[in-house]
Each structure stands twice: as structure tokens, then as C-alpha cells.
Amino acid sequence: MANYTAADIKKLRELTAAGMLDCKKALEETDGDFDKAVEYLRVKGLKGVTKREGRTASNGLVTAQIEADGSKGTLLELACETDFVAKGERFQQVAAELLAHAVATGPAEVPQLLASTFPSSGKTVQEFVDEANATLGEKIELRRTATFEGGFVAAYLHKTSPDLPAQVGVLVQLDKADAETAKDVAQHIAAFSPAYLTRDEVPADVVANERRLAEETSREEGKPEAALPKIVEGRVNGFFKENVVLEQAFAKDPKKTVAKVLEEAGVTLQAFARFRVGV
């Protein structure tokens, strides 16, 4: 007679996000010992880590942590293969542990963060991610992180579906504290996905390409040669208004630009980061 119940299978599946048959097999092999079953799934999963490396991790979550005084904030994206795993307790726990470590480590690129070590276990972050990969049975990828320090930092997380964790996350850094404006601007960035803070940040080759496309399009449309410079410049300005956050029409009041909203609030947007899962 089996030393486990359907409830045990359900609990193991929720914790590890492993398949139902795998959970049942794990409990059978460990005589119903729940902790050993978790270890069994980990060991079993590790054998398939390299096979999963080529898979696409297009689901996952974005999470963030802000210091109570707004002096520092960290944004992190953790990817997985399916939404089933993304909404599971174990995956979200992994994300929370990675976020806490990223906060403690400070600003770091993903390769440096993966090479860093958890003080409590001595494991590298890469080893920790590989173990999660094995336990959950899917490709798990620490995709992006961003950390802002100084001024006033705020975050906004947006759920695209009520049964999934946040899929969009925004981190903003103002020159001084203004929680309401920070939230409004972060929500705007989440909705309108700007690529740049100012015109000066747009690479010269990107601007040159937009100008070339604008000119070719105008010629195809049969615009008068004499009018081309003005038309092209207008279309390039249109590109800036779509992609530079300070020049975008503000979500809550399209009659104002984001720059105008910030000016009226007496604050400056110093930096922003926007992550959307899988994009």
C-alpha cells in the first residue's frame, strides 16, 4: 500500500512544479518521504540540465526590492519555459532568493552575479540556478538585473494576468523624493515602453537609419523634393516622441509631455529600467 496520498502528490507538484507522474514516481521511490522525494526530483532533474539549455525560456516573472527610504532599488527578471512553473511557489521562492542576493551584492552585470557566491551555502548563483533548473524540470534563466542607488528610487510591477506573477517591471530614479510622481512615471513607462531617457542617449546610427527610412518613405510617397528635408525632420522628431520617455505624451494627461510633468513636480528623472518577461 502506498505511503502517500493524492494530497502529497499535489503538494509536491506545487512545491517543485514537476509533472504529476514524476511526483508520484518520486514518492513511490522514497516510500512516501516528502523531503527525500524533493531530493529525488532534484537528482533526477540534474541529469537533464544540459538537455534543457537549448530550450526557450519565454515565461517567468519580474520582481523588485526598494529600500524603505528609497535610496536604492533592484529589479530582476527570472525566466522559465511555462506559465505553470512561473506561477508556482518554488519558482517564485527562487526568484526571491536571487533578488535578495542581488540586493546584497550591489550593482552587477548578470555574468558577475552568476559567478558570485551565496555566503550561507558557498554555492555560486549559477549552481543555485542549475539546481532550480533540475528541481523544476525546466530551463531557468536569470536574464536581467538593474540596480539604482542615490536620489529617490521607486518600482512598479504590473500583472498582465491575475493568475500569474508580474510580467512587467519598471525601476525609476528621481533626483529627490516624490513617491507620487515616481509611481506615475513608472506606470507610464510600463505602458508606453520607451527605449531612451533623452535624445542624446539615442545612438547616432539609430538616428541615421531613421532619417534614411524617413527619406526613402517620403520619396516613395512622391513628396516634393523641396519639401523633403522638412518632412524627414518631422518624421525623425516623431521617432523621438515615440521612443524618448521625456518627449512622450504623458499617459494620464496626453496634453503634457513626461518632461512637463516632471518639471511641474520639481523633480528630474535620472534613469529608468523596464523589463518585460520574454522581451
Protein backbone atom coordinates (compact mmCIF):
# COMPACT_ATOMS: atom_id res chain seq x y z
CA MET A 1 0.00 0.00 0.00
CA ALA A 2 1.30 3.42 -0.95
CA ASN A 3 2.69 5.54 1.87
CA TYR A 4 1.45 8.76 0.32
CA THR A 5 -1.81 10.38 -0.69
CA ALA A 6 -3.14 12.41 -3.58
CA ALA A 7 -2.66 15.45 -1.37
CA ASP A 8 1.04 14.60 -1.09
CA ILE A 9 1.34 14.44 -4.87
CA LYS A 10 -0.42 17.78 -5.18
CA LYS A 11 1.80 19.37 -2.53
CA LEU A 12 4.97 18.03 -4.15
CA ARG A 13 3.85 19.23 -7.56
CA GLU A 14 3.08 22.72 -6.24
CA LEU A 15 6.44 22.92 -4.50
CA THR A 16 8.61 21.64 -7.33
CA ALA A 17 6.43 22.24 -10.43
CA ALA A 18 7.39 18.74 -11.56
CA GLY A 19 4.88 16.67 -13.54
CA MET A 20 2.24 14.65 -11.72
CA LEU A 21 3.66 11.30 -12.83
CA ASP A 22 7.18 12.40 -11.81
CA CYS A 23 5.89 13.39 -8.36
CA LYS A 24 4.10 10.08 -7.96
CA LYS A 25 7.23 8.20 -9.03
CA ALA A 26 9.36 10.22 -6.57
CA LEU A 27 7.06 9.39 -3.66
CA GLU A 28 7.00 5.73 -4.64
CA GLU A 29 10.80 5.57 -4.84
CA THR A 30 11.22 7.26 -1.45
CA ASP A 31 8.47 5.32 0.34
CA GLY A 32 6.38 8.46 0.81
CA ASP A 33 9.14 10.55 2.45
CA PHE A 34 8.33 14.05 1.22
CA ASP A 35 11.78 15.62 1.76
CA LYS A 36 13.51 12.68 0.09
CA ALA A 37 11.05 12.94 -2.79
CA VAL A 38 12.11 16.56 -3.32
CA GLU A 39 15.75 15.45 -3.35
CA TYR A 40 14.89 12.62 -5.73
CA LEU A 41 13.38 15.09 -8.18
CA ARG A 42 16.44 17.32 -7.87
CA VAL A 43 18.82 14.48 -8.63
CA LYS A 44 16.63 13.23 -11.44
CA GLY A 45 16.36 16.72 -12.85
CA LEU A 46 20.08 17.44 -12.80
CA LYS A 47 20.59 14.72 -15.37
CA GLY A 48 18.57 16.74 -17.85
CA VAL A 49 20.05 20.20 -17.25
CA THR A 50 22.27 20.17 -20.34
CA LYS A 51 19.41 18.91 -22.50
CA ARG A 52 17.33 21.95 -21.47
CA GLU A 53 19.99 24.54 -22.30
CA GLY A 54 18.77 24.93 -25.86
CA ARG A 55 15.15 25.46 -24.91
CA THR A 56 13.41 28.83 -24.98
CA ALA A 57 12.55 30.40 -21.63
CA SER A 58 9.83 32.86 -22.63
CA ASN A 59 7.79 32.86 -19.41
CA GLY A 60 8.75 33.89 -15.90
CA LEU A 61 8.43 36.93 -13.69
CA VAL A 62 9.82 40.34 -12.85
CA THR A 63 10.38 41.27 -9.21
CA ALA A 64 11.85 44.22 -7.34
CA GLN A 65 13.03 45.41 -3.94
CA ILE A 66 13.25 49.03 -2.79
CA GLU A 67 14.95 50.32 0.36
CA ALA A 68 12.47 51.84 2.81
CA ASP A 69 13.93 55.32 2.30
CA GLY A 70 14.01 54.97 -1.49
CA SER A 71 17.79 55.28 -1.61
CA LYS A 72 18.30 52.06 -3.56
CA GLY A 73 16.26 49.70 -5.70
CA THR A 74 16.85 46.47 -7.63
CA LEU A 75 14.84 44.98 -10.48
CA LEU A 76 15.26 41.35 -11.60
CA GLU A 77 13.84 39.13 -14.34
CA LEU A 78 13.83 35.35 -13.91
CA ALA A 79 12.72 33.29 -16.89
CA CYS A 80 11.28 29.80 -17.27
CA GLU A 81 9.61 27.81 -20.04
CA THR A 82 5.95 27.64 -18.98
CA ASP A 83 3.42 29.78 -17.15
CA PHE A 84 2.65 26.75 -14.94
CA VAL A 85 6.14 26.94 -13.44
CA ALA A 86 6.06 30.75 -13.36
CA LYS A 87 3.08 30.80 -11.02
CA GLY A 88 4.44 28.02 -8.82
CA GLU A 89 5.58 28.60 -5.26
CA ARG A 90 9.04 27.12 -5.78
CA PHE A 91 9.89 29.27 -8.81
CA GLN A 92 8.79 32.41 -7.01
CA GLN A 93 10.87 31.40 -4.00
CA VAL A 94 13.91 31.01 -6.25
CA ALA A 95 13.29 34.49 -7.65
CA ALA A 96 13.00 35.93 -4.14
CA GLU A 97 16.32 34.37 -3.08
CA LEU A 98 18.06 35.62 -6.20
CA LEU A 99 16.65 39.11 -5.67
CA ALA A 100 17.81 39.19 -2.06
CA HIS A 101 21.30 38.15 -3.14
CA ALA A 102 21.36 40.73 -5.96
CA VAL A 103 20.38 43.43 -3.45
CA ALA A 104 23.12 42.35 -1.05
CA THR A 105 25.71 42.09 -3.82
CA GLY A 106 25.04 45.53 -5.24
CA PRO A 107 25.13 46.64 -8.88
CA ALA A 108 26.47 43.83 -11.07
CA GLU A 109 26.06 42.52 -14.58
CA VAL A 110 24.42 39.10 -14.90
CA PRO A 111 27.71 37.20 -15.58
CA GLN A 112 29.27 38.69 -12.44
CA LEU A 113 26.15 37.97 -10.42
CA LEU A 114 26.08 34.34 -11.60
CA ALA A 115 29.71 33.95 -10.58
CA SER A 116 29.14 35.40 -7.11
CA THR A 117 28.66 33.19 -4.07
CA PHE A 118 25.88 32.81 -1.52
CA PRO A 119 27.58 33.39 1.88
CA SER A 120 25.29 30.93 3.64
CA SER A 121 25.93 27.94 1.37
CA GLY A 122 29.13 28.70 -0.51
CA LYS A 123 27.33 27.89 -3.77
CA THR A 124 27.64 30.19 -6.75
CA VAL A 125 24.48 31.76 -8.12
CA GLN A 126 24.96 29.70 -11.28
CA GLU A 127 24.97 26.49 -9.22
CA PHE A 128 21.83 27.66 -7.43
CA VAL A 129 20.10 28.35 -10.76
CA ASP A 130 21.21 24.96 -12.12
CA GLU A 131 19.68 23.25 -9.08
CA ALA A 132 16.43 25.14 -9.64
CA ASN A 133 16.59 24.08 -13.27
CA ALA A 134 16.87 20.46 -12.14
CA THR A 135 14.18 20.61 -9.46
CA LEU A 136 11.64 22.41 -11.60
CA GLY A 137 12.36 20.37 -14.71
CA GLU A 138 12.59 23.42 -16.97
CA LYS A 139 15.20 25.82 -18.23
CA ILE A 140 15.54 28.56 -15.60
CA GLU A 141 17.44 31.67 -16.60
CA LEU A 142 18.47 34.75 -14.65
CA ARG A 143 18.00 37.11 -17.55
CA ARG A 144 18.41 40.71 -16.37
CA THR A 145 19.01 42.83 -13.31
CA ALA A 146 19.19 46.58 -12.73
CA THR A 147 20.17 48.46 -9.59
CA PHE A 148 19.89 52.20 -8.95
CA GLU A 149 21.44 53.91 -5.95
CA GLY A 150 21.13 57.52 -4.87
CA GLY A 151 18.37 60.07 -5.24
CA PHE A 152 14.93 58.51 -4.90
CA VAL A 153 14.26 55.08 -6.40
CA ALA A 154 10.82 53.53 -6.92
CA ALA A 155 9.44 50.46 -8.67
CA TYR A 156 6.21 49.45 -10.34
CA LEU A 157 5.26 45.84 -11.10
CA HIS A 158 2.39 45.02 -13.46
CA LYS A 159 0.47 41.77 -13.85
CA THR A 160 -0.76 41.03 -17.36
CA SER A 161 -2.85 38.16 -15.98
CA PRO A 162 -4.36 37.83 -12.49
CA ASP A 163 -3.13 34.26 -12.03
CA LEU A 164 0.49 35.00 -12.99
CA PRO A 165 3.23 36.92 -11.16
CA ALA A 166 4.23 40.34 -12.52
CA GLN A 167 5.31 40.21 -16.15
CA VAL A 168 6.36 43.86 -16.46
CA GLY A 169 8.59 45.75 -14.04
CA VAL A 170 9.89 49.31 -14.03
CA LEU A 171 12.55 50.95 -11.90
CA VAL A 172 12.85 54.75 -11.86
CA GLN A 173 15.36 57.06 -10.23
CA LEU A 174 14.47 60.69 -9.44
CA ASP A 175 16.87 63.31 -8.12
CA LYS A 176 14.75 63.72 -4.97
CA ALA A 177 11.86 62.12 -3.14
CA ASP A 178 8.44 62.30 -4.76
CA ALA A 179 6.61 58.99 -4.42
CA GLU A 180 3.51 60.04 -6.35
CA THR A 181 5.39 61.35 -9.39
CA ALA A 182 7.74 58.36 -9.33
CA LYS A 183 4.77 55.99 -9.38
CA ASP A 184 3.02 57.89 -12.17
CA VAL A 185 6.13 57.96 -14.35
CA ALA A 186 6.89 54.28 -13.66
CA GLN A 187 3.34 53.32 -14.67
CA HIS A 188 3.68 55.44 -17.81
CA ILE A 189 6.93 53.67 -18.72
CA ALA A 190 5.31 50.27 -18.12
CA ALA A 191 2.51 51.17 -20.54
CA PHE A 192 4.46 53.02 -23.26
CA SER A 193 7.81 51.16 -23.18
CA PRO A 194 10.21 53.98 -24.10
CA ALA A 195 13.69 52.94 -25.15
CA TYR A 196 15.66 56.03 -24.14
CA LEU A 197 15.69 58.72 -21.47
CA THR A 198 16.82 61.62 -23.68
CA ARG A 199 17.58 62.28 -27.34
CA ASP A 200 21.27 62.32 -26.53
CA GLU A 201 21.06 58.65 -25.49
CA VAL A 202 19.81 57.52 -28.90
CA PRO A 203 22.80 56.06 -30.80
CA ALA A 204 23.86 58.07 -33.85
CA ASP A 205 23.47 55.06 -36.14
CA VAL A 206 19.87 54.59 -34.99
CA VAL A 207 19.05 58.23 -35.77
CA ALA A 208 20.81 57.98 -39.14
CA ASN A 209 18.81 54.88 -40.03
CA GLU A 210 15.53 56.53 -39.05
CA ARG A 211 16.44 59.55 -41.18
CA ARG A 212 17.27 57.27 -44.13
CA LEU A 213 13.98 55.38 -43.80
CA ALA A 214 12.05 58.62 -43.49
CA GLU A 215 13.63 59.97 -46.67
CA GLU A 216 13.05 56.74 -48.63
CA THR A 217 9.44 56.59 -47.47
CA SER A 218 8.84 60.22 -48.39
CA ARG A 219 10.27 59.67 -51.87
CA GLU A 220 8.13 56.55 -52.33
CA GLU A 221 5.10 58.64 -51.39
CA GLY A 222 6.02 61.15 -54.09
CA LYS A 223 6.64 64.08 -51.76
CA PRO A 224 8.09 67.21 -53.44
CA GLU A 225 11.88 67.26 -53.43
CA ALA A 226 11.98 70.74 -51.95
CA ALA A 227 9.83 69.64 -49.02
CA LEU A 228 11.83 66.52 -48.20
CA PRO A 229 14.19 68.00 -45.56
CA LYS A 230 11.28 69.36 -43.51
CA ILE A 231 9.23 66.17 -43.89
CA VAL A 232 12.16 63.96 -42.95
CA GLU A 233 12.97 66.07 -39.91
CA GLY A 234 9.34 65.89 -38.83
CA ARG A 235 9.33 62.11 -39.06
CA VAL A 236 12.59 61.80 -37.13
CA ASN A 237 11.11 64.03 -34.44
CA GLY A 238 8.12 61.69 -34.43
CA PHE A 239 10.50 58.80 -33.75
CA PHE A 240 11.93 60.69 -30.76
CA LYS A 241 8.44 61.41 -29.41
CA GLU A 242 7.60 57.72 -29.56
CA ASN A 243 10.83 56.35 -28.08
CA VAL A 244 12.29 59.00 -25.75
CA VAL A 245 10.43 58.98 -22.43
CA LEU A 246 10.81 62.70 -21.73
CA GLU A 247 9.21 63.52 -25.08
CA GLN A 248 6.32 61.05 -24.87
CA ALA A 249 2.79 62.28 -24.23
CA PHE A 250 2.08 61.52 -20.58
CA ALA A 251 -0.27 58.57 -20.05
CA LYS A 252 -2.53 60.35 -17.55
CA ASP A 253 -2.60 63.66 -19.43
CA PRO A 254 -1.66 63.39 -23.14
CA LYS A 255 -1.67 67.18 -23.46
CA LYS A 256 1.56 67.21 -21.44
CA THR A 257 4.87 65.51 -22.10
CA VAL A 258 6.54 63.45 -19.39
CA ALA A 259 9.20 66.18 -19.21
CA LYS A 260 6.49 68.75 -18.45
CA VAL A 261 5.00 66.58 -15.69
CA LEU A 262 8.42 66.21 -14.10
CA GLU A 263 9.09 69.94 -14.40
CA GLU A 264 5.80 70.80 -12.70
CA ALA A 265 6.63 68.37 -9.89
CA GLY A 266 10.08 69.92 -9.50
CA VAL A 267 11.96 66.65 -9.99
CA THR A 268 14.32 65.16 -12.58
CA LEU A 269 14.16 61.63 -13.98
CA GLN A 270 17.77 60.45 -13.83
CA ALA A 271 17.38 56.86 -15.03
CA PHE A 272 14.88 54.10 -15.68
CA ALA A 273 14.83 50.38 -16.46
CA ARG A 274 11.89 48.45 -17.91
CA PHE A 275 11.76 44.65 -18.09
CA ARG A 276 9.01 42.64 -19.75
CA VAL A 277 9.22 38.87 -19.46
CA GLY A 278 10.47 37.30 -22.65
CA VAL A 279 11.09 40.59 -24.47
